[in-house]
Each structure stands twice: as structure tokens, then as C-alpha cells.
Amino acid sequence: MAARDGLVQSTIDLVRRNGVAGTGVANLLDHSGLSRRTIYLNFPGGKSELITEATRVAGRAMTTLIETFSSNTKPEETIASFADAWKQVVESSDFLAGCPIVAAALGRSESPAAADAAGEAFDDWERTLETRLRAENIDPDTAGSLATTVIATIEGAVVMSLAKHSTEPLDRVGRHLTELVRAHIRPVGTS
């Protein structure tokens, strides 16, 4: 199991930095320190199967992170924490690594199954955030729309931060998204 987990983690790291097309089997072998045989024993479908599994693992990890940020905090704190987590990721990679889910979504021509897994991850993130927003007495339709807006905006700000070599886009959207969500929270007992 350790070899499989190591391959998945290496794949996540490389896809975050190089995208799906830029992550080759030779790169994975060098990065993970494992043999080609290990890849095909654990992932008979090769690179595409490995990237799909890495996308699922990365997606579940972010869902867990959003759930953690959401527990016992105000929704605006959840959003601020989500934006801050991405700031740490892009800064710690010297603006070289972004979201592996976005990379998988953009790599549909190389791995359609990974792109589908990316869509499922985005759905999970939206549902998780929507559930938290609904707990704050936000209308269900509005909560769903806000969840999509938050996820799409922060993910877009990650891409912009990488391109600009600055976390300013994440700072800006984090601030404005918290204001947006706060404007839709209704006191309990109102409709």
C-alpha cells in the first residue's frame, strides 16, 4: 500500500506543477523513486488510471479540509480559511504549484476519467460548502449558487495568483466573498 500511496502523492505533486500532459511516467518514476513495474502493478491502466486516482484522492482531501474549516466557525471564516490555505500552497511552491483538480479538469484530452473525477470533486466541494451555508439560514437555492461562486472564484484566483506571482487575487476574492456570504445570512426565524 505504501508504494501505491507514494505514487498517488507524487502524481498529485507533479500534476499541480506540470499539468496532466506535462506529467509523464518517467517523471513519476524519478519523483517517486519507484519502478515502472510498481506503476503497472498498482495501476494496470497506466498513467491515466493513476492520474484519475490522484485526482480523487486530492479531491477528497480538499473536501475534508473544507469540512474541517466549516466545523464550529462562521461561513465567512470558512471562506477566509479556504483562501488562506491556497495562499500558503502557492507561496510555499514559489508560485509553481496550483490545484491538481483544475489541472485534471484541463487535461481531459490526456485523461477523460481524471477530468470526470475533477468534476466530481468540484461537486463535493460545492455540496459541502452549500450544507454549511444552509445551516446559516441561507435560502437553499442561494446557498447552492453561493457555494458555486465561492469555489469557482477561489479556484480562479489560484490560477491568477500563479500567473501574477502574487497572492493579491486570493486576498481580494477572499475579502469580497466573505462580504457576499455575510450579506445572505438571515437571522434564524426569518424567511
Foldseek 3Di string as FASTA:
>chain_A
DVLLVLLLVLLQFCCQQQFLVRDDPVSSCVSSVDDPVSQCVNQVVHSLSSLLVSLLVLLVVVLVLLLVQLPPDQLLSSLLVVLVVLVCVCVVVLLRGAGSLVSQLVCCVVHVSSVVSSVVSLVSQLVSQLVSLVVLVFPSVVSSVLSNVSVVQSNVLSVVCSVVSHSVSSVVSSVVSSVVSVVRRDHPPDD
